[in-house]
């Protein structure tokens, strides 16, 4: 997808900010080099980024102690979940000097269409939904597409099952059944009644997981129950809009007592996929894959063309029309973004 076109003034403002950042980074790098040269830093050791607050990064040392660290400017964008090499300073702070290779990363495009990682070395994405706020299949599909494109295993979690009524059950039951038929794991849980928490803990055991979902679906409440003592701030739903209020401001990593980690990410109402090309989007719908490459026309839009393999699969019951419609909706949003940016 094309990046957003900037005005001359916007470009000037961005360049001004970047120049100031480069100057600060150069000054910090010089201070780090001086500290290393004069022996003011300890030996290199391994660490794990457990939180990121702007230019300040919390690194957990191998013995479990947390150090607030600075970093070299040539390390790029570090995120929660990154494994790093760092050196301790005399004032109980530290300096990150290298980043280990990532085996996976979850990224989001910013408003200019630039892809930025938000968490690293994740094993599974827990797509969290609830009876309220209202769940749309297309929103779930966006998260699943992001997971599939990142080669990270997704799990769908229906939280707050204690709030289910006849109307929400009628809406959610067939939707979740559709995902289960596609092979996605679905877990149902409630922090209020404790139902399903054992199954959720078992799924999280020995894995690095990240919770994603609309604000208000209870991600922070889940963390507080699964990890007592964490005490993340929790906000009630807006009664008027039935939408959540963002309560998490940075991605933070927590350890389960019996093994495994959980990254709690900022609330995301809509997961942008503007960076994705058409082929990647098609591949991210797992039931489409057996039919790709068999359309009569190589430039098939999968809308109305004769000999379209996806349309034939939908007619044969191999692709659910709801998922095909969801694909088209996402594709249209990508095309619209590309047109206007």
Foldseek 3Di string as FASTA:
>chain_A
DAFFDDDPVVVVVVVVVVVVVVVVLVVVVVVVVVCVVVVQWADKAKWFFFWDDPQWTWTQGPVGDTATEGEHPVAPDDEGGWMFIWIAGPVRHIYTYYTDDFPFFQWAADNRRRIDTHYTNFQEEEEFAELFPPDDLLQVLLVLLSCLLRVHAYAYEYEPPVPDDPVSCVVVVVSVVVVVVVVHHYFYAYPVVGPRLVVVVVVQAQGEYEYAYFAARCPVVNCCSQPPPPPQDHDHADPVVRGHDWRDDIWGWDAGPRHGIYTYHTYDHHGDPLNDDLVSLQVSSVLSVVQPPQAPDPPDPPPDDPRRSVVVCCVVVSDPVSVVVSSVVNVVVNVVVVVND
